[in-house]
Amino acid sequence: MKFKIDAKIFEKFPGVEIGIIVAKDLDNNGSIPEIEKATRVEEKRIREQFESETLSQDPHINIWRAAYSLFGGKPKENKSSIENLYKLILKGGELRRINKLVDVYNYISLKYMLPVGGVAFRGF
C-alpha cells in the first residue's frame, strides 16, 4: 500500500502534520455501546453550545473553510465533514451507527470539532 501527498500541500501548509493508522485483521462488525452513548452526549452538548446560524464563525470551522478556499474550493457549497456533522445535529438529527471504526472517528470528530475520516482497503 502506498500513501501519497501532493507536494503542493506542504508548500501551502509548511507546518502540516498528517497521521496514518493501518489496522489489520480488525473486526468492524457490531457496535461499541460506550461510543454510542458518548456520541449522544456530544450531540446534546453541541445542541446546547452552538447555533446553526453562527456555526461557520467558530474558529474550528472557519479554519477548514479557509483551507478549502486555499485549495480552490467553495466552502459555502462544499462544507467540511465536521461542519456537516454539526449542522445535522443542530437540525435535530442524530448520527446513525455505521460500523465500529466509523462510529469511533465520528465521535472523535464531534468531541474535538475536527474532521476525521477513514478508508477501508481489502487484501493488502
PDB file of N, CA and C in Angstrom:
ATOM      1  N   MET A   1       0.848  -1.162   0.000  1.00  0.00           N
ATOM      2  CA  MET A   1       0.000   0.000   0.000  1.00  0.00           C
ATOM      3  C   MET A   1       0.900   1.233   0.000  1.00  0.00           C
ATOM      4  N   LYS A   2       0.502   2.215  -0.795  1.00  0.00           N
ATOM      5  CA  LYS A   2       1.272   3.443  -0.909  1.00  0.00           C
ATOM      6  C   LYS A   2       0.351   4.627  -0.633  1.00  0.00           C
ATOM      7  N   PHE A   3       0.809   5.557   0.176  1.00  0.00           N
ATOM      8  CA  PHE A   3       0.048   6.751   0.513  1.00  0.00           C
ATOM      9  C   PHE A   3       0.825   7.950  -0.004  1.00  0.00           C
ATOM     10  N   LYS A   4       0.226   8.722  -0.901  1.00  0.00           N
ATOM     11  CA  LYS A   4       0.910   9.862  -1.497  1.00  0.00           C
ATOM     12  C   LYS A   4       0.227  11.163  -1.115  1.00  0.00           C
ATOM     13  N   ILE A   5       1.039  12.184  -0.888  1.00  0.00           N
ATOM     14  CA  ILE A   5       0.527  13.526  -0.622  1.00  0.00           C
ATOM     15  C   ILE A   5       1.222  14.463  -1.592  1.00  0.00           C
ATOM     16  N   ASP A   6       0.441  15.223  -2.310  1.00  0.00           N
ATOM     17  CA  ASP A   6       0.987  16.168  -3.280  1.00  0.00           C
ATOM     18  C   ASP A   6       1.878  17.181  -2.572  1.00  0.00           C
ATOM     19  N   ALA A   7       3.034  17.471  -3.137  1.00  0.00           N
ATOM     20  CA  ALA A   7       3.997  18.412  -2.552  1.00  0.00           C
ATOM     21  C   ALA A   7       3.395  19.799  -2.352  1.00  0.00           C
ATOM     22  N   LYS A   8       2.387  20.150  -3.141  1.00  0.00           N
ATOM     23  CA  LYS A   8       1.745  21.462  -3.008  1.00  0.00           C
ATOM     24  C   LYS A   8       1.112  21.643  -1.625  1.00  0.00           C
ATOM     25  N   ILE A   9       0.698  20.543  -1.022  1.00  0.00           N
ATOM     26  CA  ILE A   9       0.130  20.619   0.330  1.00  0.00           C
ATOM     27  C   ILE A   9       1.161  21.190   1.289  1.00  0.00           C
ATOM     28  N   PHE A  10       2.386  20.699   1.211  1.00  0.00           N
ATOM     29  CA  PHE A  10       3.438  21.138   2.126  1.00  0.00           C
ATOM     30  C   PHE A  10       3.920  22.547   1.794  1.00  0.00           C
ATOM     31  N   GLU A  11       3.769  22.941   0.535  1.00  0.00           N
ATOM     32  CA  GLU A  11       4.118  24.309   0.151  1.00  0.00           C
ATOM     33  C   GLU A  11       3.126  25.300   0.751  1.00  0.00           C
ATOM     34  N   LYS A  12       1.847  24.981   0.675  1.00  0.00           N
ATOM     35  CA  LYS A  12       0.811  25.875   1.203  1.00  0.00           C
ATOM     36  C   LYS A  12       0.698  25.796   2.718  1.00  0.00           C
ATOM     37  N   PHE A  13       0.998  24.636   3.268  1.00  0.00           N
ATOM     38  CA  PHE A  13       0.861  24.407   4.714  1.00  0.00           C
ATOM     39  C   PHE A  13       2.147  23.774   5.248  1.00  0.00           C
ATOM     40  N   PRO A  14       3.212  24.570   5.393  1.00  0.00           N
ATOM     41  CA  PRO A  14       4.508  24.000   5.770  1.00  0.00           C
ATOM     42  C   PRO A  14       4.522  23.297   7.133  1.00  0.00           C
ATOM     43  N   GLY A  15       3.627  23.638   8.017  1.00  0.00           N
ATOM     44  CA  GLY A  15       3.604  23.003   9.337  1.00  0.00           C
ATOM     45  C   GLY A  15       2.610  21.871   9.462  1.00  0.00           C
ATOM     46  N   VAL A  16       2.044  21.438   8.337  1.00  0.00           N
ATOM     47  CA  VAL A  16       1.008  20.416   8.386  1.00  0.00           C
ATOM     48  C   VAL A  16       1.543  19.116   8.992  1.00  0.00           C
ATOM     49  N   GLU A  17       0.696  18.478   9.775  1.00  0.00           N
ATOM     50  CA  GLU A  17       1.015  17.170  10.341  1.00  0.00           C
ATOM     51  C   GLU A  17      -0.084  16.207   9.910  1.00  0.00           C
ATOM     52  N   ILE A  18       0.320  15.102   9.342  1.00  0.00           N
ATOM     53  CA  ILE A  18      -0.630  14.122   8.831  1.00  0.00           C
ATOM     54  C   ILE A  18      -0.340  12.781   9.501  1.00  0.00           C
ATOM     55  N   GLY A  19      -1.386  12.159  10.003  1.00  0.00           N
ATOM     56  CA  GLY A  19      -1.224  10.862  10.644  1.00  0.00           C
ATOM     57  C   GLY A  19      -1.948   9.778   9.865  1.00  0.00           C
ATOM     58  N   ILE A  20      -1.367   8.614   9.872  1.00  0.00           N
ATOM     59  CA  ILE A  20      -1.957   7.466   9.195  1.00  0.00           C
ATOM     60  C   ILE A  20      -1.917   6.295  10.167  1.00  0.00           C
ATOM     61  N   ILE A  21      -3.026   5.606  10.261  1.00  0.00           N
ATOM     62  CA  ILE A  21      -3.092   4.395  11.076  1.00  0.00           C
ATOM     63  C   ILE A  21      -3.467   3.251  10.154  1.00  0.00           C
ATOM     64  N   VAL A  22      -2.714   2.185  10.205  1.00  0.00           N
ATOM     65  CA  VAL A  22      -3.036   0.986   9.439  1.00  0.00           C
ATOM     66  C   VAL A  22      -3.416  -0.093  10.447  1.00  0.00           C
ATOM     67  N   ALA A  23      -4.621  -0.597  10.308  1.00  0.00           N
ATOM     68  CA  ALA A  23      -5.097  -1.649  11.204  1.00  0.00           C
ATOM     69  C   ALA A  23      -5.425  -2.882  10.366  1.00  0.00           C
ATOM     70  N   LYS A  24      -4.872  -3.996  10.751  1.00  0.00           N
ATOM     71  CA  LYS A  24      -5.127  -5.245  10.040  1.00  0.00           C
ATOM     72  C   LYS A  24      -5.928  -6.187  10.935  1.00  0.00           C
ATOM     73  N   ASP A  25      -6.683  -7.052  10.292  1.00  0.00           N
ATOM     74  CA  ASP A  25      -7.487  -8.062  10.992  1.00  0.00           C
ATOM     75  C   ASP A  25      -8.430  -7.432  12.016  1.00  0.00           C
ATOM     76  N   LEU A  26      -9.014  -6.308  11.656  1.00  0.00           N
ATOM     77  CA  LEU A  26      -9.934  -5.581  12.518  1.00  0.00           C
ATOM     78  C   LEU A  26     -11.348  -6.132  12.327  1.00  0.00           C
ATOM     79  N   ASP A  27     -12.000  -6.492  13.422  1.00  0.00           N
ATOM     80  CA  ASP A  27     -13.392  -6.908  13.358  1.00  0.00           C
ATOM     81  C   ASP A  27     -14.241  -5.649  13.463  1.00  0.00           C
ATOM     82  N   ASN A  28     -14.775  -5.207  12.342  1.00  0.00           N
ATOM     83  CA  ASN A  28     -15.515  -3.955  12.279  1.00  0.00           C
ATOM     84  C   ASN A  28     -17.027  -4.169  12.375  1.00  0.00           C
ATOM     85  N   ASN A  29     -17.451  -5.374  12.681  1.00  0.00           N
ATOM     86  CA  ASN A  29     -18.868  -5.686  12.801  1.00  0.00           C
ATOM     87  C   ASN A  29     -19.390  -5.317  14.179  1.00  0.00           C
ATOM     88  N   GLY A  30     -20.665  -5.103  14.247  1.00  0.00           N
ATOM     89  CA  GLY A  30     -21.295  -4.810  15.528  1.00  0.00           C
ATOM     90  C   GLY A  30     -21.143  -3.355  15.914  1.00  0.00           C
ATOM     91  N   SER A  31     -21.254  -3.101  17.198  1.00  0.00           N
ATOM     92  CA  SER A  31     -21.174  -1.734  17.688  1.00  0.00           C
ATOM     93  C   SER A  31     -20.424  -1.704  19.011  1.00  0.00           C
ATOM     94  N   ILE A  32     -20.112  -0.497  19.440  1.00  0.00           N
ATOM     95  CA  ILE A  32     -19.458  -0.292  20.730  1.00  0.00           C
ATOM     96  C   ILE A  32     -20.413   0.572  21.558  1.00  0.00           C
ATOM     97  N   PRO A  33     -21.135  -0.019  22.498  1.00  0.00           N
ATOM     98  CA  PRO A  33     -22.147   0.731  23.253  1.00  0.00           C
ATOM     99  C   PRO A  33     -21.610   1.999  23.915  1.00  0.00           C
ATOM    100  N   GLU A  34     -20.379   1.963  24.412  1.00  0.00           N
ATOM    101  CA  GLU A  34     -19.804   3.145  25.064  1.00  0.00           C
ATOM    102  C   GLU A  34     -19.643   4.310  24.077  1.00  0.00           C
ATOM    103  N   ILE A  35     -19.290   3.994  22.837  1.00  0.00           N
ATOM    104  CA  ILE A  35     -19.141   5.028  21.806  1.00  0.00           C
ATOM    105  C   ILE A  35     -20.511   5.583  21.428  1.00  0.00           C
ATOM    106  N   GLU A  36     -21.499   4.719  21.317  1.00  0.00           N
ATOM    107  CA  GLU A  36     -22.850   5.192  21.006  1.00  0.00           C
ATOM    108  C   GLU A  36     -23.356   6.146  22.088  1.00  0.00           C
ATOM    109  N   LYS A  37     -23.137   5.776  23.353  1.00  0.00           N
ATOM    110  CA  LYS A  37     -23.570   6.618  24.465  1.00  0.00           C
ATOM    111  C   LYS A  37     -22.801   7.943  24.469  1.00  0.00           C
ATOM    112  N   ALA A  38     -21.495   7.883  24.279  1.00  0.00           N
ATOM    113  CA  ALA A  38     -20.669   9.098  24.270  1.00  0.00           C
ATOM    114  C   ALA A  38     -21.053  10.013  23.107  1.00  0.00           C
ATOM    115  N   THR A  39     -21.429   9.431  21.979  1.00  0.00           N
ATOM    116  CA  THR A  39     -21.863  10.218  20.824  1.00  0.00           C
ATOM    117  C   THR A  39     -23.141  10.978  21.150  1.00  0.00           C
ATOM    118  N   ARG A  40     -24.103  10.325  21.830  1.00  0.00           N
ATOM    119  CA  ARG A  40     -25.342  11.008  22.218  1.00  0.00           C
ATOM    120  C   ARG A  40     -25.039  12.164  23.175  1.00  0.00           C
ATOM    121  N   VAL A  41     -24.072  11.976  24.066  1.00  0.00           N
ATOM    122  CA  VAL A  41     -23.671  13.046  24.992  1.00  0.00           C
ATOM    123  C   VAL A  41     -23.106  14.227  24.207  1.00  0.00           C
ATOM    124  N   GLU A  42     -22.259  13.954  23.220  1.00  0.00           N
ATOM    125  CA  GLU A  42     -21.682  15.024  22.394  1.00  0.00           C
ATOM    126  C   GLU A  42     -22.762  15.740  21.593  1.00  0.00           C
ATOM    127  N   GLU A  43     -23.712  14.998  21.065  1.00  0.00           N
ATOM    128  CA  GLU A  43     -24.804  15.626  20.315  1.00  0.00           C
ATOM    129  C   GLU A  43     -25.576  16.599  21.205  1.00  0.00           C
ATOM    130  N   LYS A  44     -25.838  16.192  22.424  1.00  0.00           N
ATOM    131  CA  LYS A  44     -26.544  17.066  23.378  1.00  0.00           C
ATOM    132  C   LYS A  44     -25.718  18.321  23.657  1.00  0.00           C
ATOM    133  N   ARG A  45     -24.424  18.150  23.883  1.00  0.00           N
ATOM    134  CA  ARG A  45     -23.530  19.287  24.149  1.00  0.00           C
ATOM    135  C   ARG A  45     -23.531  20.255  22.974  1.00  0.00           C
ATOM    136  N   ILE A  46     -23.460  19.723  21.776  1.00  0.00           N
ATOM    137  CA  ILE A  46     -23.436  20.555  20.569  1.00  0.00           C
ATOM    138  C   ILE A  46     -24.720  21.371  20.465  1.00  0.00           C
ATOM    139  N   ARG A  47     -25.856  20.752  20.715  1.00  0.00           N
ATOM    140  CA  ARG A  47     -27.129  21.478  20.643  1.00  0.00           C
ATOM    141  C   ARG A  47     -27.208  22.584  21.690  1.00  0.00           C
ATOM    142  N   GLU A  48     -26.560  22.366  22.833  1.00  0.00           N
ATOM    143  CA  GLU A  48     -26.573  23.363  23.902  1.00  0.00           C
ATOM    144  C   GLU A  48     -25.582  24.504  23.658  1.00  0.00           C
ATOM    145  N   GLN A  49     -24.474  24.234  22.976  1.00  0.00           N
ATOM    146  CA  GLN A  49     -23.398  25.222  22.860  1.00  0.00           C
ATOM    147  C   GLN A  49     -23.316  25.944  21.519  1.00  0.00           C
ATOM    148  N   PHE A  50     -23.982  25.447  20.490  1.00  0.00           N
ATOM    149  CA  PHE A  50     -23.823  26.020  19.157  1.00  0.00           C
ATOM    150  C   PHE A  50     -25.176  26.338  18.538  1.00  0.00           C
ATOM    151  N   GLU A  51     -25.130  27.243  17.562  1.00  0.00           N
ATOM    152  CA  GLU A  51     -26.310  27.578  16.765  1.00  0.00           C
ATOM    153  C   GLU A  51     -25.932  27.445  15.300  1.00  0.00           C
ATOM    154  N   SER A  52     -26.843  26.911  14.530  1.00  0.00           N
ATOM    155  CA  SER A  52     -26.582  26.675  13.115  1.00  0.00           C
ATOM    156  C   SER A  52     -26.212  27.961  12.383  1.00  0.00           C
ATOM    157  N   GLU A  53     -26.881  29.054  12.719  1.00  0.00           N
ATOM    158  CA  GLU A  53     -26.673  30.319  12.025  1.00  0.00           C
ATOM    159  C   GLU A  53     -25.274  30.886  12.222  1.00  0.00           C
ATOM    160  N   THR A  54     -24.634  30.606  13.351  1.00  0.00           N
ATOM    161  CA  THR A  54     -23.308  31.174  13.649  1.00  0.00           C
ATOM    162  C   THR A  54     -22.189  30.131  13.630  1.00  0.00           C
ATOM    163  N   LEU A  55     -22.506  28.910  13.272  1.00  0.00           N
ATOM    164  CA  LEU A  55     -21.513  27.833  13.304  1.00  0.00           C
ATOM    165  C   LEU A  55     -20.291  28.141  12.450  1.00  0.00           C
ATOM    166  N   SER A  56     -20.504  28.716  11.273  1.00  0.00           N
ATOM    167  CA  SER A  56     -19.386  28.981  10.361  1.00  0.00           C
ATOM    168  C   SER A  56     -18.391  29.988  10.929  1.00  0.00           C
ATOM    169  N   GLN A  57     -18.783  30.730  11.947  1.00  0.00           N
ATOM    170  CA  GLN A  57     -17.901  31.720  12.557  1.00  0.00           C
ATOM    171  C   GLN A  57     -16.996  31.116  13.633  1.00  0.00           C
ATOM    172  N   ASP A  58     -17.287  29.914  14.059  1.00  0.00           N
ATOM    173  CA  ASP A  58     -16.448  29.270  15.065  1.00  0.00           C
ATOM    174  C   ASP A  58     -15.051  29.049  14.487  1.00  0.00           C
ATOM    175  N   PRO A  59     -13.987  29.364  15.243  1.00  0.00           N
ATOM    176  CA  PRO A  59     -12.626  29.218  14.714  1.00  0.00           C
ATOM    177  C   PRO A  59     -12.295  27.813  14.216  1.00  0.00           C
ATOM    178  N   HIS A  60     -12.853  26.785  14.848  1.00  0.00           N
ATOM    179  CA  HIS A  60     -12.574  25.412  14.429  1.00  0.00           C
ATOM    180  C   HIS A  60     -13.199  25.090  13.071  1.00  0.00           C
ATOM    181  N   ILE A  61     -14.301  25.731  12.771  1.00  0.00           N
ATOM    182  CA  ILE A  61     -14.966  25.545  11.472  1.00  0.00           C
ATOM    183  C   ILE A  61     -14.356  26.485  10.443  1.00  0.00           C
ATOM    184  N   ASN A  62     -14.139  27.712  10.866  1.00  0.00           N
ATOM    185  CA  ASN A  62     -13.637  28.737   9.950  1.00  0.00           C
ATOM    186  C   ASN A  62     -12.277  28.367   9.359  1.00  0.00           C
ATOM    187  N   ILE A  63     -11.444  27.712  10.132  1.00  0.00           N
ATOM    188  CA  ILE A  63     -10.118  27.335   9.626  1.00  0.00           C
ATOM    189  C   ILE A  63     -10.228  26.326   8.486  1.00  0.00           C
ATOM    190  N   TRP A  64     -11.204  25.424   8.570  1.00  0.00           N
ATOM    191  CA  TRP A  64     -11.409  24.461   7.481  1.00  0.00           C
ATOM    192  C   TRP A  64     -11.984  25.146   6.257  1.00  0.00           C
ATOM    193  N   ARG A  65     -12.831  26.129   6.475  1.00  0.00           N
ATOM    194  CA  ARG A  65     -13.346  26.906   5.344  1.00  0.00           C
ATOM    195  C   ARG A  65     -12.190  27.630   4.639  1.00  0.00           C
ATOM    196  N   ALA A  66     -11.285  28.206   5.429  1.00  0.00           N
ATOM    197  CA  ALA A  66     -10.131  28.900   4.841  1.00  0.00           C
ATOM    198  C   ALA A  66      -9.245  27.923   4.073  1.00  0.00           C
ATOM    199  N   ALA A  67      -9.024  26.745   4.631  1.00  0.00           N
ATOM    200  CA  ALA A  67      -8.206  25.736   3.949  1.00  0.00           C
ATOM    201  C   ALA A  67      -8.852  25.318   2.635  1.00  0.00           C
ATOM    202  N   TYR A  68     -10.157  25.090   2.635  1.00  0.00           N
ATOM    203  CA  TYR A  68     -10.847  24.718   1.403  1.00  0.00           C
ATOM    204  C   TYR A  68     -10.690  25.814   0.353  1.00  0.00           C
ATOM    205  N   SER A  69     -10.775  27.060   0.782  1.00  0.00           N
ATOM    206  CA  SER A  69     -10.617  28.181  -0.151  1.00  0.00           C
ATOM    207  C   SER A  69      -9.227  28.183  -0.766  1.00  0.00           C
ATOM    208  N   LEU A  70      -8.211  27.876   0.038  1.00  0.00           N
ATOM    209  CA  LEU A  70      -6.842  27.830  -0.482  1.00  0.00           C
ATOM    210  C   LEU A  70      -6.673  26.757  -1.556  1.00  0.00           C
ATOM    211  N   PHE A  71      -7.458  25.714  -1.473  1.00  0.00           N
ATOM    212  CA  PHE A  71      -7.405  24.646  -2.479  1.00  0.00           C
ATOM    213  C   PHE A  71      -8.307  24.940  -3.671  1.00  0.00           C
ATOM    214  N   GLY A  72      -8.942  26.106  -3.662  1.00  0.00           N
ATOM    215  CA  GLY A  72      -9.823  26.458  -4.763  1.00  0.00           C
ATOM    216  C   GLY A  72     -11.253  25.999  -4.559  1.00  0.00           C
ATOM    217  N   GLY A  73     -11.544  25.474  -3.389  1.00  0.00           N
ATOM    218  CA  GLY A  73     -12.901  25.007  -3.108  1.00  0.00           C
ATOM    219  C   GLY A  73     -13.817  26.156  -2.721  1.00  0.00           C
ATOM    220  N   LYS A  74     -15.083  25.864  -2.666  1.00  0.00           N
ATOM    221  CA  LYS A  74     -16.092  26.841  -2.275  1.00  0.00           C
ATOM    222  C   LYS A  74     -16.709  26.361  -0.962  1.00  0.00           C
ATOM    223  N   PRO A  75     -16.187  26.850   0.173  1.00  0.00           N
ATOM    224  CA  PRO A  75     -16.622  26.312   1.462  1.00  0.00           C
ATOM    225  C   PRO A  75     -18.103  26.489   1.773  1.00  0.00           C
ATOM    226  N   LYS A  76     -18.762  27.457   1.166  1.00  0.00           N
ATOM    227  CA  LYS A  76     -20.204  27.588   1.405  1.00  0.00           C
ATOM    228  C   LYS A  76     -20.977  26.459   0.733  1.00  0.00           C
ATOM    229  N   GLU A  77     -20.417  25.965  -0.380  1.00  0.00           N
ATOM    230  CA  GLU A  77     -21.073  24.880  -1.117  1.00  0.00           C
ATOM    231  C   GLU A  77     -20.562  23.508  -0.691  1.00  0.00           C
ATOM    232  N   ASN A  78     -19.273  23.414  -0.374  1.00  0.00           N
ATOM    233  CA  ASN A  78     -18.637  22.138  -0.013  1.00  0.00           C
ATOM    234  C   ASN A  78     -18.087  22.245   1.403  1.00  0.00           C
ATOM    235  N   LYS A  79     -18.919  21.936   2.350  1.00  0.00           N
ATOM    236  CA  LYS A  79     -18.533  22.071   3.756  1.00  0.00           C
ATOM    237  C   LYS A  79     -17.651  20.898   4.191  1.00  0.00           C
ATOM    238  N   SER A  80     -16.826  21.159   5.190  1.00  0.00           N
ATOM    239  CA  SER A  80     -16.007  20.084   5.767  1.00  0.00           C
ATOM    240  C   SER A  80     -16.920  19.070   6.443  1.00  0.00           C
ATOM    241  N   SER A  81     -16.389  17.883   6.643  1.00  0.00           N
ATOM    242  CA  SER A  81     -17.200  16.834   7.267  1.00  0.00           C
ATOM    243  C   SER A  81     -17.656  17.242   8.660  1.00  0.00           C
ATOM    244  N   ILE A  82     -16.813  17.943   9.403  1.00  0.00           N
ATOM    245  CA  ILE A  82     -17.203  18.318  10.765  1.00  0.00           C
ATOM    246  C   ILE A  82     -18.324  19.350  10.732  1.00  0.00           C
ATOM    247  N   GLU A  83     -18.261  20.291   9.798  1.00  0.00           N
ATOM    248  CA  GLU A  83     -19.346  21.270   9.692  1.00  0.00           C
ATOM    249  C   GLU A  83     -20.648  20.574   9.315  1.00  0.00           C
ATOM    250  N   ASN A  84     -20.580  19.623   8.409  1.00  0.00           N
ATOM    251  CA  ASN A  84     -21.780  18.867   8.029  1.00  0.00           C
ATOM    252  C   ASN A  84     -22.349  18.079   9.203  1.00  0.00           C
ATOM    253  N   LEU A  85     -21.475  17.447   9.992  1.00  0.00           N
ATOM    254  CA  LEU A  85     -21.954  16.685  11.148  1.00  0.00           C
ATOM    255  C   LEU A  85     -22.634  17.598  12.158  1.00  0.00           C
ATOM    256  N   TYR A  86     -22.002  18.743  12.454  1.00  0.00           N
ATOM    257  CA  TYR A  86     -22.583  19.678  13.414  1.00  0.00           C
ATOM    258  C   TYR A  86     -23.914  20.228  12.904  1.00  0.00           C
ATOM    259  N   LYS A  87     -23.995  20.550  11.624  1.00  0.00           N
ATOM    260  CA  LYS A  87     -25.245  21.071  11.048  1.00  0.00           C
ATOM    261  C   LYS A  87     -26.364  20.025  11.177  1.00  0.00           C
ATOM    262  N   LEU A  88     -26.045  18.772  10.894  1.00  0.00           N
ATOM    263  CA  LEU A  88     -27.025  17.695  11.027  1.00  0.00           C
ATOM    264  C   LEU A  88     -27.571  17.643  12.450  1.00  0.00           C
ATOM    265  N   ILE A  89     -26.682  17.707  13.411  1.00  0.00           N
ATOM    266  CA  ILE A  89     -27.073  17.637  14.820  1.00  0.00           C
ATOM    267  C   ILE A  89     -27.883  18.867  15.219  1.00  0.00           C
ATOM    268  N   LEU A  90     -27.459  20.044  14.757  1.00  0.00           N
ATOM    269  CA  LEU A  90     -28.168  21.273  15.106  1.00  0.00           C
ATOM    270  C   LEU A  90     -29.560  21.343  14.475  1.00  0.00           C
ATOM    271  N   LYS A  91     -29.784  20.549  13.428  1.00  0.00           N
ATOM    272  CA  LYS A  91     -31.119  20.471  12.826  1.00  0.00           C
ATOM    273  C   LYS A  91     -31.976  19.424  13.533  1.00  0.00           C
ATOM    274  N   GLY A  92     -31.432  18.812  14.588  1.00  0.00           N
ATOM    275  CA  GLY A  92     -32.196  17.829  15.353  1.00  0.00           C
ATOM    276  C   GLY A  92     -31.887  16.388  15.008  1.00  0.00           C
ATOM    277  N   GLY A  93     -30.977  16.170  14.067  1.00  0.00           N
ATOM    278  CA  GLY A  93     -30.632  14.812  13.677  1.00  0.00           C
ATOM    279  C   GLY A  93     -29.675  14.149  14.653  1.00  0.00           C
ATOM    280  N   GLU A  94     -29.553  12.857  14.503  1.00  0.00           N
ATOM    281  CA  GLU A  94     -28.587  12.071  15.263  1.00  0.00           C
ATOM    282  C   GLU A  94     -27.695  11.344  14.279  1.00  0.00           C
ATOM    283  N   LEU A  95     -26.439  11.153  14.667  1.00  0.00           N
ATOM    284  CA  LEU A  95     -25.552  10.359  13.828  1.00  0.00           C
ATOM    285  C   LEU A  95     -26.035   8.915  13.859  1.00  0.00           C
ATOM    286  N   ARG A  96     -26.152   8.343  12.697  1.00  0.00           N
ATOM    287  CA  ARG A  96     -26.560   6.937  12.653  1.00  0.00           C
ATOM    288  C   ARG A  96     -25.323   6.061  12.807  1.00  0.00           C
ATOM    289  N   ARG A  97     -25.533   4.900  13.331  1.00  0.00           N
ATOM    290  CA  ARG A  97     -24.450   3.956  13.507  1.00  0.00           C
ATOM    291  C   ARG A  97     -24.084   3.365  12.153  1.00  0.00           C
ATOM    292  N   ILE A  98     -22.792   3.315  11.854  1.00  0.00           N
ATOM    293  CA  ILE A  98     -22.321   2.758  10.583  1.00  0.00           C
ATOM    294  C   ILE A  98     -21.607   1.436  10.852  1.00  0.00           C
ATOM    295  N   ASN A  99     -20.470   1.511  11.484  1.00  0.00           N
ATOM    296  CA  ASN A  99     -19.699   0.351  11.934  1.00  0.00           C
ATOM    297  C   ASN A  99     -18.755   0.850  13.017  1.00  0.00           C
ATOM    298  N   LYS A 100     -18.042  -0.039  13.649  1.00  0.00           N
ATOM    299  CA  LYS A 100     -17.211   0.354  14.788  1.00  0.00           C
ATOM    300  C   LYS A 100     -16.234   1.476  14.450  1.00  0.00           C
ATOM    301  N   LEU A 101     -15.518   1.319  13.359  1.00  0.00           N
ATOM    302  CA  LEU A 101     -14.489   2.290  13.009  1.00  0.00           C
ATOM    303  C   LEU A 101     -15.082   3.660  12.693  1.00  0.00           C
ATOM    304  N   VAL A 102     -16.096   3.702  11.872  1.00  0.00           N
ATOM    305  CA  VAL A 102     -16.733   4.977  11.519  1.00  0.00           C
ATOM    306  C   VAL A 102     -17.356   5.614  12.760  1.00  0.00           C
ATOM    307  N   ASP A 103     -17.981   4.807  13.595  1.00  0.00           N
ATOM    308  CA  ASP A 103     -18.593   5.338  14.816  1.00  0.00           C
ATOM    309  C   ASP A 103     -17.541   5.983  15.723  1.00  0.00           C
ATOM    310  N   VAL A 104     -16.376   5.363  15.821  1.00  0.00           N
ATOM    311  CA  VAL A 104     -15.304   5.921  16.663  1.00  0.00           C
ATOM    312  C   VAL A 104     -14.799   7.230  16.081  1.00  0.00           C
ATOM    313  N   TYR A 105     -14.515   7.271  14.768  1.00  0.00           N
ATOM    314  CA  TYR A 105     -13.977   8.526  14.259  1.00  0.00           C
ATOM    315  C   TYR A 105     -15.039   9.614  14.147  1.00  0.00           C
ATOM    316  N   ASN A 106     -16.297   9.271  14.020  1.00  0.00           N
ATOM    317  CA  ASN A 106     -17.338  10.298  14.100  1.00  0.00           C
ATOM    318  C   ASN A 106     -17.404  10.891  15.503  1.00  0.00           C
ATOM    319  N   TYR A 107     -17.287  10.025  16.505  1.00  0.00           N
ATOM    320  CA  TYR A 107     -17.275  10.512  17.889  1.00  0.00           C
ATOM    321  C   TYR A 107     -16.086  11.458  18.114  1.00  0.00           C
ATOM    322  N   ILE A 108     -14.921  11.074  17.650  1.00  0.00           N
ATOM    323  CA  ILE A 108     -13.733  11.927  17.795  1.00  0.00           C
ATOM    324  C   ILE A 108     -13.954  13.259  17.086  1.00  0.00           C
ATOM    325  N   SER A 109     -14.544  13.215  15.893  1.00  0.00           N
ATOM    326  CA  SER A 109     -14.848  14.448  15.164  1.00  0.00           C
ATOM    327  C   SER A 109     -15.737  15.371  15.983  1.00  0.00           C
ATOM    328  N   LEU A 110     -16.791  14.818  16.575  1.00  0.00           N
ATOM    329  CA  LEU A 110     -17.707  15.626  17.371  1.00  0.00           C
ATOM    330  C   LEU A 110     -17.033  16.193  18.614  1.00  0.00           C
ATOM    331  N   LYS A 111     -16.321  15.348  19.324  1.00  0.00           N
ATOM    332  CA  LYS A 111     -15.710  15.765  20.589  1.00  0.00           C
ATOM    333  C   LYS A 111     -14.657  16.849  20.389  1.00  0.00           C
ATOM    334  N   TYR A 112     -13.838  16.718  19.357  1.00  0.00           N
ATOM    335  CA  TYR A 112     -12.724  17.644  19.163  1.00  0.00           C
ATOM    336  C   TYR A 112     -12.956  18.632  18.020  1.00  0.00           C
ATOM    337  N   MET A 113     -14.151  18.600  17.433  1.00  0.00           N
ATOM    338  CA  MET A 113     -14.516  19.501  16.330  1.00  0.00           C
ATOM    339  C   MET A 113     -13.444  19.479  15.249  1.00  0.00           C
ATOM    340  N   LEU A 114     -13.135  18.263  14.819  1.00  0.00           N
ATOM    341  CA  LEU A 114     -12.044  18.025  13.888  1.00  0.00           C
ATOM    342  C   LEU A 114     -12.479  17.010  12.838  1.00  0.00           C
ATOM    343  N   PRO A 115     -12.320  17.327  11.550  1.00  0.00           N
ATOM    344  CA  PRO A 115     -12.668  16.329  10.544  1.00  0.00           C
ATOM    345  C   PRO A 115     -11.758  15.105  10.643  1.00  0.00           C
ATOM    346  N   VAL A 116     -12.354  13.957  10.798  1.00  0.00           N
ATOM    347  CA  VAL A 116     -11.607  12.694  10.858  1.00  0.00           C
ATOM    348  C   VAL A 116     -12.278  11.743   9.869  1.00  0.00           C
ATOM    349  N   GLY A 117     -11.489  10.960   9.171  1.00  0.00           N
ATOM    350  CA  GLY A 117     -12.078  10.037   8.228  1.00  0.00           C
ATOM    351  C   GLY A 117     -11.239   8.802   8.068  1.00  0.00           C
ATOM    352  N   GLY A 118     -11.722   7.881   7.278  1.00  0.00           N
ATOM    353  CA  GLY A 118     -11.006   6.638   7.069  1.00  0.00           C
ATOM    354  C   GLY A 118     -11.352   6.017   5.728  1.00  0.00           C
ATOM    355  N   VAL A 119     -10.505   5.137   5.312  1.00  0.00           N
ATOM    356  CA  VAL A 119     -10.704   4.400   4.070  1.00  0.00           C
ATOM    357  C   VAL A 119     -10.387   2.933   4.358  1.00  0.00           C
ATOM    358  N   ALA A 120     -11.235   2.061   3.873  1.00  0.00           N
ATOM    359  CA  ALA A 120     -11.004   0.637   4.066  1.00  0.00           C
ATOM    360  C   ALA A 120     -10.438   0.032   2.788  1.00  0.00           C
ATOM    361  N   PHE A 121      -9.366  -0.699   2.922  1.00  0.00           N
ATOM    362  CA  PHE A 121      -8.769  -1.434   1.809  1.00  0.00           C
ATOM    363  C   PHE A 121      -8.824  -2.907   2.169  1.00  0.00           C
ATOM    364  N   ARG A 122      -9.120  -3.708   1.217  1.00  0.00           N
ATOM    365  CA  ARG A 122      -9.156  -5.150   1.472  1.00  0.00           C
ATOM    366  C   ARG A 122      -8.031  -5.810   0.675  1.00  0.00           C
ATOM    367  N   GLY A 123      -7.449  -6.790   1.277  1.00  0.00           N
ATOM    368  CA  GLY A 123      -6.477  -7.612   0.568  1.00  0.00           C
ATOM    369  C   GLY A 123      -5.088  -7.006   0.376  1.00  0.00           C
ATOM    370  N   PHE A 124      -4.663  -6.154   1.299  1.00  0.00           N
ATOM    371  CA  PHE A 124      -3.294  -5.651   1.170  1.00  0.00           C
ATOM    372  C   PHE A 124      -2.394  -6.305   2.164  1.00  0.00           C
TER     373      PHE A 124
END
